[in-house]
C-alpha atoms as a PDB file:
ATOM      1  CA  MET A   1       0.000   0.000   0.000  1.00  0.00           C
ATOM      2  CA  PRO A   2       1.220   3.540  -0.649  1.00  0.00           C
ATOM      3  CA  GLY A   3       2.731   5.266   2.354  1.00  0.00           C
ATOM      4  CA  ASP A   4       1.322   8.198   4.251  1.00  0.00           C
ATOM      5  CA  VAL A   5       1.874  11.731   2.983  1.00  0.00           C
ATOM      6  CA  VAL A   6       5.322  13.120   3.760  1.00  0.00           C
ATOM      7  CA  ALA A   7       6.612  16.697   3.495  1.00  0.00           C
ATOM      8  CA  LYS A   8       6.561  17.129  -0.280  1.00  0.00           C
ATOM      9  CA  LEU A   9       4.062  19.920  -0.845  1.00  0.00           C
ATOM     10  CA  THR A  10       4.995  23.582  -1.121  1.00  0.00           C
ATOM     11  CA  PRO A  11       3.570  26.158   1.332  1.00  0.00           C
ATOM     12  CA  LEU A  12       0.945  28.355  -0.314  1.00  0.00           C
ATOM     13  CA  ARG A  13       1.196  32.094  -0.795  1.00  0.00           C
ATOM     14  CA  TYR A  14      -1.911  34.034   0.050  1.00  0.00           C
ATOM     15  CA  GLU A  15      -3.146  35.544  -3.210  1.00  0.00           C
ATOM     16  CA  SER A  16      -6.372  37.043  -4.514  1.00  0.00           C
ATOM     17  CA  ALA A  17      -7.882  33.654  -5.469  1.00  0.00           C
ATOM     18  CA  PRO A  18      -9.933  32.018  -2.692  1.00  0.00           C
ATOM     19  CA  LEU A  19      -7.693  29.967  -0.434  1.00  0.00           C
ATOM     20  CA  ARG A  20      -9.856  26.889  -0.996  1.00  0.00           C
ATOM     21  CA  ASN A  21      -9.139  27.086  -4.736  1.00  0.00           C
ATOM     22  CA  GLN A  22      -5.412  27.396  -4.091  1.00  0.00           C
ATOM     23  CA  ILE A  23      -5.452  24.316  -1.870  1.00  0.00           C
ATOM     24  CA  ILE A  24      -7.422  22.354  -4.458  1.00  0.00           C
ATOM     25  CA  ALA A  25      -4.977  23.411  -7.178  1.00  0.00           C
ATOM     26  CA  SER A  26      -2.010  22.356  -5.043  1.00  0.00           C
ATOM     27  CA  LEU A  27      -3.493  18.962  -4.216  1.00  0.00           C
ATOM     28  CA  ARG A  28      -4.555  18.466  -7.821  1.00  0.00           C
ATOM     29  CA  SER A  29      -1.024  19.164  -9.023  1.00  0.00           C
ATOM     30  CA  ALA A  30       0.380  16.736  -6.454  1.00  0.00           C
ATOM     31  CA  ILE A  31      -1.984  14.013  -7.668  1.00  0.00           C
ATOM     32  CA  GLU A  32      -1.381  14.717 -11.359  1.00  0.00           C
ATOM     33  CA  THR A  33       2.402  14.683 -11.034  1.00  0.00           C
ATOM     34  CA  GLY A  34       2.522  11.574  -8.840  1.00  0.00           C
ATOM     35  CA  VAL A  35       3.523  13.211  -5.556  1.00  0.00           C
ATOM     36  CA  LEU A  36       0.288  11.762  -4.189  1.00  0.00           C
ATOM     37  CA  GLN A  37      -0.273   8.247  -5.519  1.00  0.00           C
ATOM     38  CA  PRO A  38      -3.591   6.318  -5.645  1.00  0.00           C
ATOM     39  CA  GLY A  39      -4.328   4.975  -2.167  1.00  0.00           C
ATOM     40  CA  ALA A  40      -2.119   7.522  -0.378  1.00  0.00           C
ATOM     41  CA  ARG A  41      -3.653   8.536   2.952  1.00  0.00           C
ATOM     42  CA  LEU A  42      -4.176  12.247   3.549  1.00  0.00           C
ATOM     43  CA  ILE A  43      -3.271  13.338   7.070  1.00  0.00           C
ATOM     44  CA  GLU A  44      -4.834  16.720   7.821  1.00  0.00           C
ATOM     45  CA  ARG A  45      -2.187  17.768  10.354  1.00  0.00           C
ATOM     46  CA  ASP A  46       0.659  17.123   7.916  1.00  0.00           C
ATOM     47  CA  LEU A  47      -1.112  18.813   5.009  1.00  0.00           C
ATOM     48  CA  CYS A  48      -1.855  21.914   7.095  1.00  0.00           C
ATOM     49  CA  GLU A  49       1.821  22.166   8.041  1.00  0.00           C
ATOM     50  CA  GLN A  50       3.065  21.596   4.493  1.00  0.00           C
ATOM     51  CA  LEU A  51       0.662  24.079   2.892  1.00  0.00           C
ATOM     52  CA  SER A  52       0.667  26.574   5.792  1.00  0.00           C
ATOM     53  CA  VAL A  53      -3.143  26.669   5.917  1.00  0.00           C
ATOM     54  CA  SER A  54      -5.775  26.210   8.607  1.00  0.00           C
ATOM     55  CA  ARG A  55      -7.568  22.919   9.111  1.00  0.00           C
ATOM     56  CA  THR A  56     -10.879  24.616   8.313  1.00  0.00           C
ATOM     57  CA  SER A  57      -9.658  25.796   4.894  1.00  0.00           C
ATOM     58  CA  LEU A  58      -8.083  22.416   4.168  1.00  0.00           C
ATOM     59  CA  ARG A  59     -11.273  20.542   5.030  1.00  0.00           C
ATOM     60  CA  GLU A  60     -13.302  22.729   2.665  1.00  0.00           C
ATOM     61  CA  ALA A  61     -10.945  21.801  -0.166  1.00  0.00           C
ATOM     62  CA  LEU A  62     -10.892  18.114   0.765  1.00  0.00           C
ATOM     63  CA  ARG A  63     -14.696  17.978   0.820  1.00  0.00           C
ATOM     64  CA  GLU A  64     -14.844  19.428  -2.684  1.00  0.00           C
ATOM     65  CA  LEU A  65     -12.296  16.939  -4.023  1.00  0.00           C
ATOM     66  CA  GLN A  66     -14.156  14.109  -2.320  1.00  0.00           C
ATOM     67  CA  ALA A  67     -17.424  15.245  -3.940  1.00  0.00           C
ATOM     68  CA  LEU A  68     -15.668  15.062  -7.327  1.00  0.00           C
ATOM     69  CA  GLY A  69     -14.625  11.484  -6.624  1.00  0.00           C
ATOM     70  CA  VAL A  70     -10.934  12.361  -6.545  1.00  0.00           C
ATOM     71  CA  LEU A  71     -10.660  11.419  -2.861  1.00  0.00           C
ATOM     72  CA  SER A  72     -12.480   8.613  -1.106  1.00  0.00           C
ATOM     73  CA  SER A  73     -13.131   7.662   2.494  1.00  0.00           C
ATOM     74  CA  VAL A  74     -11.803   4.282   3.610  1.00  0.00           C
ATOM     75  CA  ASP A  75     -12.681   2.684   6.946  1.00  0.00           C
ATOM     76  CA  ASN A  76      -9.953   3.128   9.570  1.00  0.00           C
ATOM     77  CA  ARG A  77      -7.798   5.143   7.142  1.00  0.00           C
ATOM     78  CA  GLY A  78      -9.724   8.356   6.585  1.00  0.00           C
ATOM     79  CA  LEU A  79      -9.430  10.092   3.219  1.00  0.00           C
ATOM     80  CA  VAL A  80      -7.199   8.581   0.554  1.00  0.00           C
ATOM     81  CA  VAL A  81      -6.443   9.436  -3.068  1.00  0.00           C
ATOM     82  CA  GLY A  82      -9.062   7.574  -5.113  1.00  0.00           C
ATOM     83  CA  MET A  83      -8.236   4.357  -6.939  1.00  0.00           C
ATOM     84  CA  LEU A  84      -9.805   3.004 -10.125  1.00  0.00           C
ATOM     85  CA  THR A  85     -10.170  -0.506 -11.479  1.00  0.00           C
ATOM     86  CA  ALA A  86      -9.098  -1.138 -15.065  1.00  0.00           C
ATOM     87  CA  GLU A  87     -12.748  -1.165 -16.099  1.00  0.00           C
ATOM     88  CA  GLU A  88     -13.432   2.166 -14.408  1.00  0.00           C
ATOM     89  CA  ALA A  89     -10.360   3.735 -15.999  1.00  0.00           C
ATOM     90  CA  GLY A  90     -11.489   2.485 -19.397  1.00  0.00           C
ATOM     91  CA  ASN A  91     -14.874   4.108 -18.847  1.00  0.00           C
ATOM     92  CA  VAL A  92     -13.180   7.397 -17.990  1.00  0.00           C
ATOM     93  CA  TYR A  93     -11.321   7.400 -21.311  1.00  0.00           C
ATOM     94  CA  SER A  94     -14.492   6.446 -23.206  1.00  0.00           C
ATOM     95  CA  ILE A  95     -16.396   9.374 -21.680  1.00  0.00           C
ATOM     96  CA  ARG A  96     -13.490  11.712 -22.388  1.00  0.00           C
ATOM     97  CA  ALA A  97     -13.449  10.682 -26.048  1.00  0.00           C
ATOM     98  CA  VAL A  98     -17.113  11.623 -26.416  1.00  0.00           C
ATOM     99  CA  LEU A  99     -16.754  14.944 -24.580  1.00  0.00           C
ATOM    100  CA  GLU A 100     -13.559  16.045 -26.299  1.00  0.00           C
ATOM    101  CA  ALA A 101     -15.020  15.208 -29.704  1.00  0.00           C
ATOM    102  CA  LEU A 102     -18.136  17.181 -28.780  1.00  0.00           C
ATOM    103  CA  VAL A 103     -16.275  20.356 -27.811  1.00  0.00           C
ATOM    104  CA  ALA A 104     -13.961  20.122 -30.824  1.00  0.00           C
ATOM    105  CA  GLY A 105     -17.000  20.117 -33.093  1.00  0.00           C
ATOM    106  CA  GLN A 106     -18.644  22.923 -31.149  1.00  0.00           C
ATOM    107  CA  PHE A 107     -15.458  24.964 -31.346  1.00  0.00           C
ATOM    108  CA  VAL A 108     -15.448  24.704 -35.152  1.00  0.00           C
ATOM    109  CA  GLU A 109     -19.055  25.859 -35.292  1.00  0.00           C
ATOM    110  CA  LEU A 110     -18.934  28.629 -32.679  1.00  0.00           C
ATOM    111  CA  ALA A 111     -15.386  29.970 -32.289  1.00  0.00           C
ATOM    112  CA  SER A 112     -14.310  33.245 -33.857  1.00  0.00           C
ATOM    113  CA  ASP A 113     -11.290  33.517 -36.142  1.00  0.00           C
ATOM    114  CA  GLU A 114      -9.447  35.172 -33.259  1.00  0.00           C
ATOM    115  CA  GLU A 115     -10.188  32.203 -31.002  1.00  0.00           C
ATOM    116  CA  VAL A 116      -8.927  29.827 -33.690  1.00  0.00           C
ATOM    117  CA  ASP A 117      -5.680  31.816 -33.795  1.00  0.00           C
ATOM    118  CA  GLN A 118      -5.462  31.673 -30.002  1.00  0.00           C
ATOM    119  CA  LEU A 119      -5.942  27.912 -30.058  1.00  0.00           C
ATOM    120  CA  SER A 120      -3.144  27.593 -32.603  1.00  0.00           C
ATOM    121  CA  GLY A 121      -0.873  29.407 -30.165  1.00  0.00           C
ATOM    122  CA  PHE A 122      -1.858  27.114 -27.304  1.00  0.00           C
ATOM    123  CA  GLY A 123      -1.284  24.173 -29.614  1.00  0.00           C
ATOM    124  CA  GLN A 124       2.261  25.309 -30.344  1.00  0.00           C
ATOM    125  CA  THR A 125       2.900  25.677 -26.616  1.00  0.00           C
ATOM    126  CA  LEU A 126       1.548  22.169 -26.044  1.00  0.00           C
ATOM    127  CA  LYS A 127       3.787  20.687 -28.732  1.00  0.00           C
ATOM    128  CA  LYS A 128       6.807  22.390 -27.175  1.00  0.00           C
ATOM    129  CA  ALA A 129       5.799  20.903 -23.831  1.00  0.00           C
ATOM    130  CA  TYR A 130       5.722  17.442 -25.401  1.00  0.00           C
ATOM    131  CA  ALA A 131       9.160  18.080 -26.904  1.00  0.00           C
ATOM    132  CA  SER A 132      10.502  19.051 -23.464  1.00  0.00           C
ATOM    133  CA  GLY A 133       9.480  15.683 -22.037  1.00  0.00           C
ATOM    134  CA  SER A 134       8.279  17.346 -18.818  1.00  0.00           C
ATOM    135  CA  VAL A 135       5.048  15.711 -17.647  1.00  0.00           C
ATOM    136  CA  GLU A 136       4.233  18.753 -15.518  1.00  0.00           C
ATOM    137  CA  ARG A 137       4.624  21.089 -18.510  1.00  0.00           C
ATOM    138  CA  ILE A 138       2.530  18.805 -20.700  1.00  0.00           C
ATOM    139  CA  ILE A 139      -0.294  18.648 -18.156  1.00  0.00           C
ATOM    140  CA  THR A 140      -0.315  22.436 -17.727  1.00  0.00           C
ATOM    141  CA  ALA A 141      -0.224  23.064 -21.484  1.00  0.00           C
ATOM    142  CA  LYS A 142      -2.961  20.501 -22.179  1.00  0.00           C
ATOM    143  CA  ARG A 143      -5.247  22.126 -19.627  1.00  0.00           C
ATOM    144  CA  ALA A 144      -4.752  25.525 -21.285  1.00  0.00           C
ATOM    145  CA  PHE A 145      -5.328  23.990 -24.746  1.00  0.00           C
ATOM    146  CA  TYR A 146      -8.632  22.423 -23.733  1.00  0.00           C
ATOM    147  CA  ASP A 147      -9.647  25.494 -21.758  1.00  0.00           C
ATOM    148  CA  CYS A 148      -9.334  27.450 -25.001  1.00  0.00           C
ATOM    149  CA  ILE A 149     -11.332  24.839 -26.923  1.00  0.00           C
ATOM    150  CA  CYS A 150     -14.130  24.717 -24.348  1.00  0.00           C
ATOM    151  CA  THR A 151     -14.255  28.515 -24.117  1.00  0.00           C
ATOM    152  CA  GLY A 152     -14.583  28.849 -27.885  1.00  0.00           C
ATOM    153  CA  ALA A 153     -17.127  26.017 -27.848  1.00  0.00           C
ATOM    154  CA  GLN A 154     -19.082  27.933 -25.178  1.00  0.00           C
ATOM    155  CA  ASN A 155     -19.084  24.782 -23.058  1.00  0.00           C
ATOM    156  CA  GLY A 156     -17.465  25.474 -19.714  1.00  0.00           C
ATOM    157  CA  MET A 157     -19.307  22.547 -18.155  1.00  0.00           C
ATOM    158  CA  ALA A 158     -17.447  20.141 -20.442  1.00  0.00           C
ATOM    159  CA  PHE A 159     -14.116  21.652 -19.366  1.00  0.00           C
ATOM    160  CA  ASP A 160     -14.944  21.049 -15.705  1.00  0.00           C
ATOM    161  CA  ILE A 161     -15.973  17.457 -16.408  1.00  0.00           C
ATOM    162  CA  ILE A 162     -12.890  16.740 -18.530  1.00  0.00           C
ATOM    163  CA  ASN A 163     -10.655  18.127 -15.793  1.00  0.00           C
ATOM    164  CA  GLY A 164     -12.325  15.906 -13.224  1.00  0.00           C
ATOM    165  CA  LEU A 165     -12.024  12.833 -15.429  1.00  0.00           C
ATOM    166  CA  THR A 166      -8.338  13.351 -16.196  1.00  0.00           C
ATOM    167  CA  LEU A 167      -7.653  13.797 -12.501  1.00  0.00           C
ATOM    168  CA  ARG A 168      -9.288  10.451 -11.755  1.00  0.00           C
ATOM    169  CA  THR A 169      -6.777   8.693 -14.042  1.00  0.00           C
ATOM    170  CA  SER A 170      -3.742  10.772 -13.079  1.00  0.00           C
ATOM    171  CA  SER A 171      -1.403   7.894 -12.232  1.00  0.00           C
ATOM    172  CA  LEU A 172      -2.090   6.096 -15.513  1.00  0.00           C
ATOM    173  CA  ARG A 173      -2.027   9.336 -17.474  1.00  0.00           C
ATOM    174  CA  SER A 174       1.294  10.547 -16.072  1.00  0.00           C
ATOM    175  CA  ARG A 175       2.997   7.246 -16.931  1.00  0.00           C
ATOM    176  CA  SER A 176       1.607   7.432 -20.450  1.00  0.00           C
ATOM    177  CA  LEU A 177       2.644  11.078 -20.909  1.00  0.00           C
ATOM    178  CA  ALA A 178       6.190  10.243 -19.828  1.00  0.00           C
ATOM    179  CA  ARG A 179       6.697   7.813 -22.718  1.00  0.00           C
ATOM    180  CA  LYS A 180       8.738   9.268 -25.556  1.00  0.00           C
ATOM    181  CA  GLU A 181       6.811   7.351 -28.209  1.00  0.00           C
ATOM    182  CA  ARG A 182       3.501   8.618 -26.820  1.00  0.00           C
ATOM    183  CA  GLN A 183       4.813  12.180 -26.764  1.00  0.00           C
ATOM    184  CA  ALA A 184       5.772  11.987 -30.443  1.00  0.00           C
ATOM    185  CA  GLN A 185       2.437  10.423 -31.338  1.00  0.00           C
ATOM    186  CA  SER A 186       0.553  13.097 -29.405  1.00  0.00           C
ATOM    187  CA  VAL A 187       2.240  15.908 -31.333  1.00  0.00           C
ATOM    188  CA  LYS A 188       0.907  14.416 -34.594  1.00  0.00           C
ATOM    189  CA  GLU A 189      -2.545  14.091 -33.063  1.00  0.00           C
ATOM    190  CA  ILE A 190      -2.587  17.705 -31.885  1.00  0.00           C
ATOM    191  CA  ASP A 191      -1.550  18.761 -35.393  1.00  0.00           C
ATOM    192  CA  ALA A 192      -4.493  16.788 -36.790  1.00  0.00           C
ATOM    193  CA  ILE A 193      -6.926  18.463 -34.388  1.00  0.00           C
ATOM    194  CA  LEU A 194      -5.597  21.914 -35.248  1.00  0.00           C
ATOM    195  CA  ALA A 195      -5.638  21.259 -39.002  1.00  0.00           C
ATOM    196  CA  ALA A 196      -9.263  20.160 -38.875  1.00  0.00           C
ATOM    197  CA  ILE A 197     -10.277  23.148 -36.771  1.00  0.00           C
ATOM    198  CA  GLU A 198      -8.420  25.626 -38.966  1.00  0.00           C
ATOM    199  CA  ALA A 199     -10.171  24.109 -42.001  1.00  0.00           C
ATOM    200  CA  ARG A 200     -13.486  24.556 -40.161  1.00  0.00           C
ATOM    201  CA  ASN A 201     -14.226  20.860 -40.631  1.00  0.00           C
ATOM    202  CA  ALA A 202     -16.306  19.881 -37.596  1.00  0.00           C
ATOM    203  CA  GLU A 203     -16.502  16.161 -38.389  1.00  0.00           C
ATOM    204  CA  ALA A 204     -12.753  15.892 -38.944  1.00  0.00           C
ATOM    205  CA  ALA A 205     -12.110  17.805 -35.707  1.00  0.00           C
ATOM    206  CA  LYS A 206     -14.398  15.474 -33.771  1.00  0.00           C
ATOM    207  CA  SER A 207     -12.725  12.431 -35.279  1.00  0.00           C
ATOM    208  CA  ALA A 208      -9.217  13.745 -34.533  1.00  0.00           C
ATOM    209  CA  ALA A 209     -10.126  14.630 -30.944  1.00  0.00           C
ATOM    210  CA  ALA A 210     -11.667  11.199 -30.312  1.00  0.00           C
ATOM    211  CA  ALA A 211      -8.640   9.477 -31.872  1.00  0.00           C
ATOM    212  CA  HIS A 212      -6.326  11.428 -29.570  1.00  0.00           C
ATOM    213  CA  VAL A 213      -8.147  10.162 -26.492  1.00  0.00           C
ATOM    214  CA  GLY A 214      -8.422   6.660 -27.921  1.00  0.00           C
ATOM    215  CA  ASN A 215      -4.670   6.443 -28.426  1.00  0.00           C
ATOM    216  CA  ALA A 216      -4.114   7.878 -24.947  1.00  0.00           C
ATOM    217  CA  ALA A 217      -6.280   5.090 -23.550  1.00  0.00           C
ATOM    218  CA  LYS A 218      -4.294   2.453 -25.443  1.00  0.00           C
ATOM    219  CA  SER A 219      -1.067   3.863 -24.037  1.00  0.00           C
ATOM    220  CA  ALA A 220      -2.377   4.159 -20.478  1.00  0.00           C
ATOM    221  CA  LEU A 221      -4.213   0.840 -20.364  1.00  0.00           C
ATOM    222  CA  GLY A 222      -1.931  -1.275 -22.539  1.00  0.00           C
ATOM    223  CA  ASP A 223      -0.222  -4.526 -21.601  1.00  0.00           C
ATOM    224  CA  ASP A 224       2.589  -2.696 -19.844  1.00  0.00           C
ATOM    225  CA  ASP A 225       0.109  -1.213 -17.378  1.00  0.00           C
ATOM    226  CA  ALA A 226      -1.982  -4.330 -16.837  1.00  0.00           C
ATOM    227  CA  ALA A 227      -0.175  -5.426 -13.673  1.00  0.00           C
ATOM    228  CA  PRO A 228      -0.261  -2.033 -11.902  1.00  0.00           C
ATOM    229  CA  VAL A 229      -3.948  -1.573 -12.662  1.00  0.00           C
ATOM    230  CA  ALA A 230      -4.756  -5.087 -11.432  1.00  0.00           C
ATOM    231  CA  SER A 231      -2.885  -4.442  -8.203  1.00  0.00           C
ATOM    232  CA  ILE A 232      -4.887  -1.277  -7.615  1.00  0.00           C
ATOM    233  CA  LYS A 233      -8.077  -3.279  -8.087  1.00  0.00           C
ATOM    234  CA  THR A 234      -6.920  -5.868  -5.568  1.00  0.00           C
ATOM    235  CA  VAL A 235      -6.067  -3.241  -2.973  1.00  0.00           C
ATOM    236  CA  ARG A 236      -9.486  -1.678  -3.319  1.00  0.00           C
ATOM    237  CA  ARG A 237     -11.229  -4.990  -2.695  1.00  0.00           C
ATOM    238  CA  ARG A 238      -9.164  -5.647   0.392  1.00  0.00           C
ATOM    239  CA  SER A 239      -9.967  -2.237   1.867  1.00  0.00           C
ATOM    240  CA  ALA A 240     -13.696  -2.488   1.160  1.00  0.00           C
END
């Protein structure tokens, strides 16, 4: 089983954004980058010390993440980072494929020429992130890329759902993103999405977006990941 949380998180600076949002962003980043692994127990005292926040503020953030399914309550262990079975992870990718195809098509139909140009810029940033090999940079750039798509598609709800879904599969996703062959493949897929959008071809954009998620699923859930996913499933049954 994963160990308890140790001092790995960075203290927060008090900025204009609500403190709860800052805590959520910090915990999200820790989950996405693998600092917090599936099954890791969250100890409030330690998190308060690491983030330099009050227990009240921390609990507000934890409740929100729990409501999203990112954290789960386990008997005798308190809150832990959520774990998925292979089947559940596969469902997450299937839902993502539908949603990302939807917003790509909506973007073609609704976005202005200026928004298309903006998306092209975010796409270039994303491709540079892939070239850097930094998983953290890729995750940040992908979020900005899809934020732009969902904004142009006038579908902020889809952006929130996609963010929640990707967070649920963070451990699988980060391993997939770290693979050089997947990085190179992803650059070609982003080019295909951009080309379809710039041509104002909604069906091609939807197809390219769905293919991108489909290939991500193959990378994340392939034979190489079968053993880790199975072990997560076993742990969940034992803790039930």
